[in-house]
């Protein structure tokens, strides 16, 4: 979960810094993955669920984790549909 949250933060920062179609796709993909992983329908709910998972993990005695910092809301991003396979 920590790795996924770190990936989301990195991609979101990259997209905010330099918005391109590729960064938009990356953000959509990691947003979708985070939502599916947490069973949430919005990124806000997914981040809250991830925070709860990490808090529960810490209470159960797993390695200490830093709290997930709140992330400013971004405009919703629709997941991208996978395109047809491309020949290498």
PDB file of N, CA and C in Angstrom:
ATOM      1  N   UNK A   1       0.826  -1.184   0.000  1.00  0.00           N
ATOM      2  CA  UNK A   1       0.000   0.000   0.000  1.00  0.00           C
ATOM      3  C   UNK A   1       0.877   1.257   0.000  1.00  0.00           C
ATOM      4  N   UNK A   2       1.941   1.202   0.814  1.00  0.00           N
ATOM      5  CA  UNK A   2       2.835   2.360   0.859  1.00  0.00           C
ATOM      6  C   UNK A   2       3.452   2.648  -0.502  1.00  0.00           C
ATOM      7  N   UNK A   3       3.824   1.596  -1.201  1.00  0.00           N
ATOM      8  CA  UNK A   3       4.426   1.758  -2.525  1.00  0.00           C
ATOM      9  C   UNK A   3       3.433   2.381  -3.493  1.00  0.00           C
ATOM     10  N   UNK A   4       2.201   1.933  -3.445  1.00  0.00           N
ATOM     11  CA  UNK A   4       1.168   2.471  -4.327  1.00  0.00           C
ATOM     12  C   UNK A   4       0.896   3.944  -4.014  1.00  0.00           C
ATOM     13  N   UNK A   5       0.836   4.283  -2.741  1.00  0.00           N
ATOM     14  CA  UNK A   5       0.628   5.684  -2.358  1.00  0.00           C
ATOM     15  C   UNK A   5       1.804   6.557  -2.797  1.00  0.00           C
ATOM     16  N   UNK A   6       3.002   6.038  -2.667  1.00  0.00           N
ATOM     17  CA  UNK A   6       4.178   6.790  -3.113  1.00  0.00           C
ATOM     18  C   UNK A   6       4.137   6.992  -4.622  1.00  0.00           C
ATOM     19  N   UNK A   7       3.732   5.974  -5.336  1.00  0.00           N
ATOM     20  CA  UNK A   7       3.615   6.084  -6.804  1.00  0.00           C
ATOM     21  C   UNK A   7       2.574   7.130  -7.176  1.00  0.00           C
ATOM     22  N   UNK A   8       1.420   7.110  -6.495  1.00  0.00           N
ATOM     23  CA  UNK A   8       0.375   8.091  -6.762  1.00  0.00           C
ATOM     24  C   UNK A   8       0.909   9.510  -6.522  1.00  0.00           C
ATOM     25  N   UNK A   9       1.580   9.714  -5.412  1.00  0.00           N
ATOM     26  CA  UNK A   9       2.104  11.043  -5.089  1.00  0.00           C
ATOM     27  C   UNK A   9       3.114  11.505  -6.132  1.00  0.00           C
ATOM     28  N   UNK A  10       4.010  10.625  -6.522  1.00  0.00           N
ATOM     29  CA  UNK A  10       5.029  10.968  -7.509  1.00  0.00           C
ATOM     30  C   UNK A  10       4.407  11.341  -8.846  1.00  0.00           C
ATOM     31  N   UNK A  11       3.483  10.519  -9.307  1.00  0.00           N
ATOM     32  CA  UNK A  11       2.844  10.773 -10.602  1.00  0.00           C
ATOM     33  C   UNK A  11       2.015  12.052 -10.552  1.00  0.00           C
ATOM     34  N   UNK A  12       1.335  12.256  -9.452  1.00  0.00           N
ATOM     35  CA  UNK A  12       0.506  13.459  -9.324  1.00  0.00           C
ATOM     36  C   UNK A  12       1.361  14.720  -9.339  1.00  0.00           C
ATOM     37  N   UNK A  13       2.480  14.687  -8.641  1.00  0.00           N
ATOM     38  CA  UNK A  13       3.396  15.831  -8.639  1.00  0.00           C
ATOM     39  C   UNK A  13       3.964  16.055 -10.038  1.00  0.00           C
ATOM     40  N   UNK A  14       4.382  14.991 -10.694  1.00  0.00           N
ATOM     41  CA  UNK A  14       4.920  15.116 -12.056  1.00  0.00           C
ATOM     42  C   UNK A  14       3.872  15.715 -12.993  1.00  0.00           C
ATOM     43  N   UNK A  15       2.634  15.256 -12.866  1.00  0.00           N
ATOM     44  CA  UNK A  15       1.568  15.755 -13.734  1.00  0.00           C
ATOM     45  C   UNK A  15       1.264  17.228 -13.435  1.00  0.00           C
ATOM     46  N   UNK A  16       1.279  17.604 -12.168  1.00  0.00           N
ATOM     47  CA  UNK A  16       1.022  18.998 -11.805  1.00  0.00           C
ATOM     48  C   UNK A  16       2.147  19.908 -12.302  1.00  0.00           C
ATOM     49  N   UNK A  17       3.356  19.368 -12.286  1.00  0.00           N
ATOM     50  CA  UNK A  17       4.518  20.137 -12.701  1.00  0.00           C
ATOM     51  C   UNK A  17       4.576  20.299 -14.218  1.00  0.00           C
ATOM     52  N   UNK A  18       4.250  19.221 -14.920  1.00  0.00           N
ATOM     53  CA  UNK A  18       4.302  19.247 -16.387  1.00  0.00           C
ATOM     54  C   UNK A  18       3.216  18.318 -16.929  1.00  0.00           C
ATOM     55  N   UNK A  19       2.100  18.909 -17.243  1.00  0.00           N
ATOM     56  CA  UNK A  19       0.954  18.138 -17.720  1.00  0.00           C
ATOM     57  C   UNK A  19       1.126  17.785 -19.193  1.00  0.00           C
ATOM     58  N   UNK A  20       1.145  16.486 -19.454  1.00  0.00           N
ATOM     59  CA  UNK A  20       1.228  15.978 -20.822  1.00  0.00           C
ATOM     60  C   UNK A  20       0.217  14.852 -20.965  1.00  0.00           C
ATOM     61  N   UNK A  21      -0.098  14.448 -22.180  1.00  0.00           N
ATOM     62  CA  UNK A  21      -0.990  13.288 -22.340  1.00  0.00           C
ATOM     63  C   UNK A  21      -0.431  12.045 -21.636  1.00  0.00           C
ATOM     64  N   UNK A  22       0.881  11.869 -21.672  1.00  0.00           N
ATOM     65  CA  UNK A  22       1.482  10.703 -21.011  1.00  0.00           C
ATOM     66  C   UNK A  22       1.323  10.796 -19.493  1.00  0.00           C
ATOM     67  N   UNK A  23       1.539  11.990 -18.922  1.00  0.00           N
ATOM     68  CA  UNK A  23       1.384  12.129 -17.474  1.00  0.00           C
ATOM     69  C   UNK A  23      -0.081  11.973 -17.074  1.00  0.00           C
ATOM     70  N   UNK A  24      -0.986  12.398 -17.932  1.00  0.00           N
ATOM     71  CA  UNK A  24      -2.421  12.228 -17.676  1.00  0.00           C
ATOM     72  C   UNK A  24      -2.779  10.741 -17.636  1.00  0.00           C
ATOM     73  N   UNK A  25      -2.234   9.969 -18.574  1.00  0.00           N
ATOM     74  CA  UNK A  25      -2.483   8.520 -18.602  1.00  0.00           C
ATOM     75  C   UNK A  25      -1.912   7.846 -17.361  1.00  0.00           C
ATOM     76  N   UNK A  26      -0.688   8.230 -16.974  1.00  0.00           N
ATOM     77  CA  UNK A  26      -0.073   7.645 -15.780  1.00  0.00           C
ATOM     78  C   UNK A  26      -0.905   7.947 -14.542  1.00  0.00           C
ATOM     79  N   UNK A  27      -1.374   9.191 -14.438  1.00  0.00           N
ATOM     80  CA  UNK A  27      -2.190   9.569 -13.287  1.00  0.00           C
ATOM     81  C   UNK A  27      -3.508   8.802 -13.290  1.00  0.00           C
ATOM     82  N   UNK A  28      -4.115   8.674 -14.459  1.00  0.00           N
ATOM     83  CA  UNK A  28      -5.364   7.909 -14.552  1.00  0.00           C
ATOM     84  C   UNK A  28      -5.134   6.454 -14.152  1.00  0.00           C
ATOM     85  N   UNK A  29      -4.042   5.877 -14.608  1.00  0.00           N
ATOM     86  CA  UNK A  29      -3.755   4.476 -14.304  1.00  0.00           C
ATOM     87  C   UNK A  29      -3.518   4.247 -12.810  1.00  0.00           C
ATOM     88  N   UNK A  30      -2.694   5.086 -12.192  1.00  0.00           N
ATOM     89  CA  UNK A  30      -2.402   4.883 -10.770  1.00  0.00           C
ATOM     90  C   UNK A  30      -3.621   5.233  -9.916  1.00  0.00           C
ATOM     91  N   UNK A  31      -4.420   6.204 -10.347  1.00  0.00           N
ATOM     92  CA  UNK A  31      -5.657   6.529  -9.635  1.00  0.00           C
ATOM     93  C   UNK A  31      -6.607   5.341  -9.682  1.00  0.00           C
ATOM     94  N   UNK A  32      -6.763   4.766 -10.855  1.00  0.00           N
ATOM     95  CA  UNK A  32      -7.626   3.595 -11.025  1.00  0.00           C
ATOM     96  C   UNK A  32      -7.135   2.441 -10.147  1.00  0.00           C
ATOM     97  N   UNK A  33      -5.831   2.185 -10.162  1.00  0.00           N
ATOM     98  CA  UNK A  33      -5.268   1.094  -9.374  1.00  0.00           C
ATOM     99  C   UNK A  33      -5.500   1.313  -7.885  1.00  0.00           C
ATOM    100  N   UNK A  34      -5.303   2.527  -7.419  1.00  0.00           N
ATOM    101  CA  UNK A  34      -5.525   2.839  -6.008  1.00  0.00           C
ATOM    102  C   UNK A  34      -6.997   2.652  -5.639  1.00  0.00           C
ATOM    103  N   UNK A  35      -7.891   3.095  -6.518  1.00  0.00           N
ATOM    104  CA  UNK A  35      -9.331   2.921  -6.252  1.00  0.00           C
ATOM    105  C   UNK A  35      -9.714   1.442  -6.222  1.00  0.00           C
ATOM    106  N   UNK A  36      -9.227   0.674  -7.173  1.00  0.00           N
ATOM    107  CA  UNK A  36      -9.549  -0.753  -7.221  1.00  0.00           C
ATOM    108  C   UNK A  36      -8.963  -1.471  -6.011  1.00  0.00           C
ATOM    109  N   UNK A  37      -7.738  -1.141  -5.660  1.00  0.00           N
ATOM    110  CA  UNK A  37      -7.066  -1.786  -4.537  1.00  0.00           C
ATOM    111  C   UNK A  37      -7.808  -1.557  -3.224  1.00  0.00           C
ATOM    112  N   UNK A  38      -8.346  -0.360  -3.059  1.00  0.00           N
ATOM    113  CA  UNK A  38      -9.023  -0.021  -1.803  1.00  0.00           C
ATOM    114  C   UNK A  38     -10.528  -0.243  -1.864  1.00  0.00           C
ATOM    115  N   UNK A  39     -11.059  -0.540  -3.051  1.00  0.00           N
ATOM    116  CA  UNK A  39     -12.496  -0.724  -3.203  1.00  0.00           C
ATOM    117  C   UNK A  39     -13.261   0.589  -3.190  1.00  0.00           C
ATOM    118  N   UNK A  40     -12.583   1.679  -3.490  1.00  0.00           N
ATOM    119  CA  UNK A  40     -13.204   3.004  -3.462  1.00  0.00           C
ATOM    120  C   UNK A  40     -13.623   3.438  -4.865  1.00  0.00           C
ATOM    121  N   UNK A  41     -14.541   4.399  -4.896  1.00  0.00           N
ATOM    122  CA  UNK A  41     -15.010   4.929  -6.183  1.00  0.00           C
ATOM    123  C   UNK A  41     -14.456   6.307  -6.494  1.00  0.00           C
ATOM    124  N   UNK A  42     -13.755   6.916  -5.552  1.00  0.00           N
ATOM    125  CA  UNK A  42     -13.136   8.226  -5.804  1.00  0.00           C
ATOM    126  C   UNK A  42     -11.745   8.218  -5.192  1.00  0.00           C
ATOM    127  N   UNK A  43     -10.897   9.085  -5.702  1.00  0.00           N
ATOM    128  CA  UNK A  43      -9.530   9.117  -5.185  1.00  0.00           C
ATOM    129  C   UNK A  43      -9.515   9.583  -3.730  1.00  0.00           C
ATOM    130  N   UNK A  44     -10.395  10.484  -3.374  1.00  0.00           N
ATOM    131  CA  UNK A  44     -10.462  10.917  -1.980  1.00  0.00           C
ATOM    132  C   UNK A  44     -10.788   9.763  -1.050  1.00  0.00           C
ATOM    133  N   UNK A  45     -11.785   8.964  -1.450  1.00  0.00           N
ATOM    134  CA  UNK A  45     -12.143   7.795  -0.644  1.00  0.00           C
ATOM    135  C   UNK A  45     -11.016   6.761  -0.635  1.00  0.00           C
ATOM    136  N   UNK A  46     -10.333   6.616  -1.762  1.00  0.00           N
ATOM    137  CA  UNK A  46      -9.226   5.660  -1.843  1.00  0.00           C
ATOM    138  C   UNK A  46      -8.083   6.071  -0.921  1.00  0.00           C
ATOM    139  N   UNK A  47      -7.769   7.359  -0.879  1.00  0.00           N
ATOM    140  CA  UNK A  47      -6.701   7.836  -0.001  1.00  0.00           C
ATOM    141  C   UNK A  47      -7.083   7.650   1.463  1.00  0.00           C
ATOM    142  N   UNK A  48      -8.342   7.908   1.793  1.00  0.00           N
ATOM    143  CA  UNK A  48      -8.805   7.703   3.170  1.00  0.00           C
ATOM    144  C   UNK A  48      -8.731   6.223   3.541  1.00  0.00           C
ATOM    145  N   UNK A  49      -9.133   5.357   2.615  1.00  0.00           N
ATOM    146  CA  UNK A  49      -9.085   3.915   2.872  1.00  0.00           C
ATOM    147  C   UNK A  49      -7.638   3.441   3.033  1.00  0.00           C
ATOM    148  N   UNK A  50      -6.748   3.946   2.204  1.00  0.00           N
ATOM    149  CA  UNK A  50      -5.338   3.571   2.299  1.00  0.00           C
ATOM    150  C   UNK A  50      -4.764   4.024   3.640  1.00  0.00           C
ATOM    151  N   UNK A  51      -5.131   5.212   4.073  1.00  0.00           N
ATOM    152  CA  UNK A  51      -4.685   5.713   5.367  1.00  0.00           C
ATOM    153  C   UNK A  51      -5.172   4.798   6.486  1.00  0.00           C
ATOM    154  N   UNK A  52      -6.413   4.359   6.385  1.00  0.00           N
ATOM    155  CA  UNK A  52      -6.973   3.451   7.395  1.00  0.00           C
ATOM    156  C   UNK A  52      -6.236   2.110   7.396  1.00  0.00           C
ATOM    157  N   UNK A  53      -5.904   1.609   6.222  1.00  0.00           N
ATOM    158  CA  UNK A  53      -5.160   0.343   6.126  1.00  0.00           C
ATOM    159  C   UNK A  53      -3.797   0.482   6.792  1.00  0.00           C
ATOM    160  N   UNK A  54      -3.117   1.575   6.514  1.00  0.00           N
ATOM    161  CA  UNK A  54      -1.801   1.782   7.111  1.00  0.00           C
ATOM    162  C   UNK A  54      -1.904   1.971   8.621  1.00  0.00           C
ATOM    163  N   UNK A  55      -2.927   2.682   9.077  1.00  0.00           N
ATOM    164  CA  UNK A  55      -3.125   2.865  10.520  1.00  0.00           C
ATOM    165  C   UNK A  55      -3.391   1.525  11.196  1.00  0.00           C
ATOM    166  N   UNK A  56      -4.226   0.702  10.592  1.00  0.00           N
ATOM    167  CA  UNK A  56      -4.530  -0.622  11.133  1.00  0.00           C
ATOM    168  C   UNK A  56      -3.269  -1.479  11.166  1.00  0.00           C
ATOM    169  N   UNK A  57      -2.485  -1.394  10.121  1.00  0.00           N
ATOM    170  CA  UNK A  57      -1.238  -2.148  10.054  1.00  0.00           C
ATOM    171  C   UNK A  57      -0.312  -1.745  11.195  1.00  0.00           C
ATOM    172  N   UNK A  58      -0.248  -0.464  11.470  1.00  0.00           N
ATOM    173  CA  UNK A  58       0.609   0.019  12.556  1.00  0.00           C
ATOM    174  C   UNK A  58       0.073  -0.456  13.907  1.00  0.00           C
ATOM    175  N   UNK A  59      -1.240  -0.426  14.089  1.00  0.00           N
ATOM    176  CA  UNK A  59      -1.828  -0.886  15.360  1.00  0.00           C
ATOM    177  C   UNK A  59      -1.573  -2.362  15.595  1.00  0.00           C
ATOM    178  N   UNK A  60      -1.497  -3.123  14.521  1.00  0.00           N
ATOM    179  CA  UNK A  60      -1.283  -4.568  14.647  1.00  0.00           C
ATOM    180  C   UNK A  60       0.175  -4.923  14.851  1.00  0.00           C
ATOM    181  N   UNK A  61       1.033  -3.917  14.927  1.00  0.00           N
ATOM    182  CA  UNK A  61       2.421  -4.177  15.239  1.00  0.00           C
ATOM    183  C   UNK A  61       3.332  -4.321  14.054  1.00  0.00           C
ATOM    184  N   UNK A  62       2.864  -4.015  12.869  1.00  0.00           N
ATOM    185  CA  UNK A  62       3.762  -4.020  11.720  1.00  0.00           C
ATOM    186  C   UNK A  62       4.761  -2.883  11.883  1.00  0.00           C
ATOM    187  N   UNK A  63       5.694  -2.818  11.000  1.00  0.00           N
ATOM    188  CA  UNK A  63       6.699  -1.756  11.055  1.00  0.00           C
ATOM    189  C   UNK A  63       6.008  -0.400  11.096  1.00  0.00           C
ATOM    190  N   UNK A  64       6.535   0.522  11.862  1.00  0.00           N
ATOM    191  CA  UNK A  64       5.923   1.844  11.945  1.00  0.00           C
ATOM    192  C   UNK A  64       5.862   2.502  10.570  1.00  0.00           C
ATOM    193  N   UNK A  65       4.794   3.212  10.344  1.00  0.00           N
ATOM    194  CA  UNK A  65       4.631   3.916   9.081  1.00  0.00           C
ATOM    195  C   UNK A  65       4.333   5.373   9.365  1.00  0.00           C
ATOM    196  N   UNK A  66       4.781   6.211   8.449  1.00  0.00           N
ATOM    197  CA  UNK A  66       4.456   7.631   8.565  1.00  0.00           C
ATOM    198  C   UNK A  66       3.007   7.817   8.143  1.00  0.00           C
ATOM    199  N   UNK A  67       2.290   8.737   8.766  1.00  0.00           N
ATOM    200  CA  UNK A  67       0.913   8.968   8.349  1.00  0.00           C
ATOM    201  C   UNK A  67       0.858   9.460   6.919  1.00  0.00           C
ATOM    202  N   UNK A  68      -0.200   9.107   6.238  1.00  0.00           N
ATOM    203  CA  UNK A  68      -0.397   9.560   4.870  1.00  0.00           C
ATOM    204  C   UNK A  68      -0.871  11.000   4.929  1.00  0.00           C
ATOM    205  N   UNK A  69      -0.112  11.872   4.320  1.00  0.00           N
ATOM    206  CA  UNK A  69      -0.479  13.290   4.327  1.00  0.00           C
ATOM    207  C   UNK A  69      -1.670  13.511   3.416  1.00  0.00           C
ATOM    208  N   UNK A  70      -2.585  14.375   3.816  1.00  0.00           N
ATOM    209  CA  UNK A  70      -3.706  14.674   2.937  1.00  0.00           C
ATOM    210  C   UNK A  70      -3.202  15.286   1.643  1.00  0.00           C
ATOM    211  N   UNK A  71      -3.857  14.941   0.583  1.00  0.00           N
ATOM    212  CA  UNK A  71      -3.479  15.428  -0.730  1.00  0.00           C
ATOM    213  C   UNK A  71      -4.582  16.352  -1.212  1.00  0.00           C
ATOM    214  N   UNK A  72      -4.188  17.477  -1.762  1.00  0.00           N
ATOM    215  CA  UNK A  72      -5.188  18.406  -2.279  1.00  0.00           C
ATOM    216  C   UNK A  72      -5.987  17.735  -3.381  1.00  0.00           C
ATOM    217  N   UNK A  73      -7.285  17.999  -3.451  1.00  0.00           N
ATOM    218  CA  UNK A  73      -8.105  17.358  -4.475  1.00  0.00           C
ATOM    219  C   UNK A  73      -7.666  17.751  -5.875  1.00  0.00           C
ATOM    220  N   UNK A  74      -7.804  16.811  -6.765  1.00  0.00           N
ATOM    221  CA  UNK A  74      -7.547  17.066  -8.180  1.00  0.00           C
ATOM    222  C   UNK A  74      -8.824  16.756  -8.936  1.00  0.00           C
ATOM    223  N   UNK A  75      -8.904  17.255 -10.138  1.00  0.00           N
ATOM    224  CA  UNK A  75     -10.072  16.960 -10.963  1.00  0.00           C
ATOM    225  C   UNK A  75     -10.131  15.460 -11.205  1.00  0.00           C
ATOM    226  N   UNK A  76     -11.330  14.869 -11.218  1.00  0.00           N
ATOM    227  CA  UNK A  76     -11.441  13.435 -11.469  1.00  0.00           C
ATOM    228  C   UNK A  76     -10.810  13.068 -12.800  1.00  0.00           C
ATOM    229  N   UNK A  77     -10.200  11.924 -12.809  1.00  0.00           N
ATOM    230  CA  UNK A  77      -9.547  11.421 -14.006  1.00  0.00           C
ATOM    231  C   UNK A  77     -10.187  10.095 -14.353  1.00  0.00           C
ATOM    232  N   UNK A  78     -10.715  10.008 -15.553  1.00  0.00           N
ATOM    233  CA  UNK A  78     -11.330   8.756 -15.998  1.00  0.00           C
ATOM    234  C   UNK A  78     -10.239   7.763 -16.354  1.00  0.00           C
ATOM    235  N   UNK A  79     -10.393   6.506 -15.941  1.00  0.00           N
ATOM    236  CA  UNK A  79      -9.390   5.503 -16.313  1.00  0.00           C
ATOM    237  C   UNK A  79      -9.331   5.358 -17.824  1.00  0.00           C
ATOM    238  N   UNK A  80      -8.150   5.087 -18.315  1.00  0.00           N
ATOM    239  CA  UNK A  80      -7.993   4.902 -19.749  1.00  0.00           C
ATOM    240  C   UNK A  80      -8.255   3.448 -20.102  1.00  0.00           C
ATOM    241  N   UNK A  81      -8.786   3.258 -21.254  1.00  0.00           N
ATOM    242  CA  UNK A  81      -9.036   1.906 -21.758  1.00  0.00           C
ATOM    243  C   UNK A  81      -7.740   1.398 -22.378  1.00  0.00           C
ATOM    244  N   UNK A  82      -7.380   0.155 -22.104  1.00  0.00           N
ATOM    245  CA  UNK A  82      -6.176  -0.367 -22.758  1.00  0.00           C
ATOM    246  C   UNK A  82      -6.398  -0.436 -24.258  1.00  0.00           C
ATOM    247  N   UNK A  83      -5.421  -0.028 -25.002  1.00  0.00           N
ATOM    248  CA  UNK A  83      -5.524  -0.059 -26.448  1.00  0.00           C
ATOM    249  C   UNK A  83      -5.156  -1.433 -26.980  1.00  0.00           C
ATOM    250  N   UNK A  84      -5.258  -1.599 -28.287  1.00  0.00           N
ATOM    251  CA  UNK A  84      -4.879  -2.889 -28.873  1.00  0.00           C
ATOM    252  C   UNK A  84      -3.390  -3.124 -28.707  1.00  0.00           C
ATOM    253  N   UNK A  85      -3.007  -4.370 -28.662  1.00  0.00           N
ATOM    254  CA  UNK A  85      -1.607  -4.731 -28.519  1.00  0.00           C
ATOM    255  C   UNK A  85      -0.837  -4.217 -29.723  1.00  0.00           C
ATOM    256  N   UNK A  86       0.341  -3.715 -29.472  1.00  0.00           N
ATOM    257  CA  UNK A  86       1.167  -3.188 -30.550  1.00  0.00           C
ATOM    258  C   UNK A  86       2.316  -4.129 -30.814  1.00  0.00           C
ATOM    259  N   UNK A  87       2.653  -4.235 -32.081  1.00  0.00           N
ATOM    260  CA  UNK A  87       3.786  -5.082 -32.465  1.00  0.00           C
ATOM    261  C   UNK A  87       5.077  -4.391 -32.065  1.00  0.00           C
ATOM    262  N   UNK A  88       6.027  -5.165 -31.605  1.00  0.00           N
ATOM    263  CA  UNK A  88       7.306  -4.571 -31.162  1.00  0.00           C
ATOM    264  C   UNK A  88       8.221  -4.284 -32.289  1.00  0.00           C
TER     265      UNK A  88
END
